[in-house]
Each structure stands twice: as C-alpha cells, then as structure tokens.
C-alpha cells in the first residue's frame, strides 16, 4: 500500500538500490522514504516512511537490504524561549529494509579526526 500524504518536504539526499529496485530519499523532516523504483513515467509509489533523525537527514547510502543515514538533531538554546537549532548527530543509523518497524541501529561515529 502507498502512503498518501499532502505534506511537502525537501529531499536532501537520494540513493538507489539495484538489488531491490527501490529509491531511498532522505528528507529535511528527518524521515527516509522508500519508493518503488519499478514504476515508470514518474509515478513512483511511496512504499514506506521511517523517522530517522530528529532534525533532517543529511546523507543516505544503500547496500542490499541495508540503508545507512547521517543527519541532524535539534536542541533548544540556553534560554528555553529561543528557537531550536540543528547540530550533527553523533551516530550513523543503519536500517534493514526487511525490518523497518524496528527502527535504526545507532552506530557511534567520532568523525574524521577521531573525536
């Protein structure tokens, strides 16, 4: 079944899985959305939507049944009346497309400089 939504969001990254035929989009609302890539003519059906990050999704990579994401979380400032600001998540999330309902497995990432 498709997910019918009138919401709009910005796609921040996109990846394809040649093994499964899916198109995976990382979005600015923190979700990853999976589309059936076998449809032609631009009528891609959204197959699944999963909340991945509290902020937005920055990068998506696909290998077989695994989807890896990096993204952003949000925090409020020192004064609670201030608006939220985004900062990079410290984890890479790994989702298994066969078990999306279980959520992503967080893997710590210390960055390029090791910490």
Protein backbone atom coordinates (compact mmCIF):
# COMPACT_ATOMS: atom_id res chain seq x y z
CA UNK A 1 0.00 0.00 0.00
CA UNK A 2 1.19 3.50 -0.66
CA UNK A 3 1.43 6.29 1.84
CA UNK A 4 -0.74 9.14 0.69
CA UNK A 5 0.28 12.47 2.13
CA UNK A 6 -0.26 16.07 1.16
CA UNK A 7 2.80 17.12 3.20
CA UNK A 8 5.74 18.52 1.37
CA UNK A 9 9.36 18.35 2.40
CA UNK A 10 12.73 18.82 0.84
CA UNK A 11 14.69 15.78 -0.34
CA UNK A 12 18.24 16.23 0.95
CA UNK A 13 19.83 13.07 -0.49
CA UNK A 14 18.77 10.18 -2.68
CA UNK A 15 20.13 6.69 -3.32
CA UNK A 16 19.04 3.70 -5.37
CA UNK A 17 19.19 0.01 -4.63
CA UNK A 18 19.76 -2.05 -7.74
CA UNK A 19 19.22 -5.26 -5.76
CA UNK A 20 15.74 -4.33 -4.50
CA UNK A 21 14.75 -1.82 -7.21
CA UNK A 22 13.95 0.85 -4.59
CA UNK A 23 14.69 4.54 -4.48
CA UNK A 24 15.53 5.83 -0.99
CA UNK A 25 15.17 9.54 -0.22
CA UNK A 26 16.49 11.31 2.88
CA UNK A 27 14.29 14.27 3.76
CA UNK A 28 14.52 17.55 5.63
CA UNK A 29 11.82 16.42 8.09
CA UNK A 30 14.13 13.65 9.42
CA UNK A 31 12.45 10.79 7.56
CA UNK A 32 13.68 8.35 4.99
CA UNK A 33 11.16 7.50 2.33
CA UNK A 34 11.30 4.41 0.17
CA UNK A 35 9.80 4.46 -3.31
CA UNK A 36 9.11 1.59 -5.68
CA UNK A 37 11.61 2.24 -8.46
CA UNK A 38 10.00 -0.20 -10.86
CA UNK A 39 7.26 2.28 -11.77
CA UNK A 40 7.97 4.24 -14.92
CA UNK A 41 6.81 7.62 -16.12
CA UNK A 42 7.37 9.46 -12.82
CA UNK A 43 4.62 7.66 -10.90
CA UNK A 44 6.83 6.42 -8.09
CA UNK A 45 4.76 4.96 -5.27
CA UNK A 46 5.92 5.62 -1.71
CA UNK A 47 6.22 2.20 -0.05
CA UNK A 48 7.46 3.18 3.41
CA UNK A 49 8.37 6.14 5.57
CA UNK A 50 10.51 5.93 8.70
CA UNK A 51 11.57 8.64 11.16
CA UNK A 52 15.37 8.50 11.24
CA UNK A 53 16.71 11.73 12.78
CA UNK A 54 15.26 14.47 14.98
CA UNK A 55 16.37 17.16 12.53
CA UNK A 56 16.95 16.40 8.87
CA UNK A 57 18.67 13.58 7.03
CA UNK A 58 21.99 14.66 5.54
CA UNK A 59 23.18 11.55 3.69
CA UNK A 60 21.75 8.21 2.58
CA UNK A 61 23.63 5.14 1.39
CA UNK A 62 22.13 1.82 0.31
CA UNK A 63 23.75 -1.61 0.11
CA UNK A 64 21.49 -4.60 -0.48
CA UNK A 65 18.82 -4.53 2.24
CA UNK A 66 20.69 -2.01 4.41
CA UNK A 67 20.09 1.74 4.48
CA UNK A 68 22.61 3.97 6.29
CA UNK A 69 21.83 7.56 7.22
CA UNK A 70 23.54 10.51 8.81
CA UNK A 71 21.64 13.55 9.91
CA UNK A 72 20.89 16.24 12.43
CA UNK A 73 19.25 16.53 15.82
CA UNK A 74 17.83 19.68 17.33
CA UNK A 75 18.32 21.35 20.69
CA UNK A 76 16.97 24.47 22.27
CA UNK A 77 19.28 27.26 23.32
CA UNK A 78 20.23 28.15 26.88
CA UNK A 79 17.07 30.18 27.19
CA UNK A 80 14.04 27.94 26.64
CA UNK A 81 12.27 30.72 24.73
CA UNK A 82 14.91 30.53 21.99
CA UNK A 83 14.19 28.56 18.88
CA UNK A 84 15.70 25.16 18.16
CA UNK A 85 18.99 24.81 16.34
CA UNK A 86 20.39 21.83 14.44
CA UNK A 87 23.62 20.01 15.18
CA UNK A 88 25.10 16.87 13.59
CA UNK A 89 24.05 13.55 15.10
CA UNK A 90 26.86 11.56 16.65
CA UNK A 91 25.53 8.31 15.19
CA UNK A 92 25.16 6.66 11.84
CA UNK A 93 21.79 4.89 11.73
CA UNK A 94 21.53 1.58 9.91
CA UNK A 95 18.11 0.27 8.87
CA UNK A 96 17.32 -3.16 7.48
CA UNK A 97 14.65 -2.69 4.80
CA UNK A 98 13.11 -6.05 5.78
CA UNK A 99 12.55 -4.86 9.39
CA UNK A 100 11.80 -1.14 9.16
CA UNK A 101 9.34 -1.23 12.06
CA UNK A 102 12.18 -1.98 14.48
CA UNK A 103 13.90 1.34 13.84
CA UNK A 104 17.51 2.07 13.06
CA UNK A 105 20.53 0.66 14.82
CA UNK A 106 22.73 3.51 16.03
CA UNK A 107 26.46 3.23 15.48
CA UNK A 108 28.74 5.84 17.09
CA UNK A 109 30.73 7.96 14.69
CA UNK A 110 33.62 10.01 16.01
CA UNK A 111 34.23 11.92 12.81
CA UNK A 112 37.27 12.29 10.60
CA UNK A 113 39.57 13.48 13.40
CA UNK A 114 38.66 10.69 15.81
CA UNK A 115 36.69 12.64 18.28
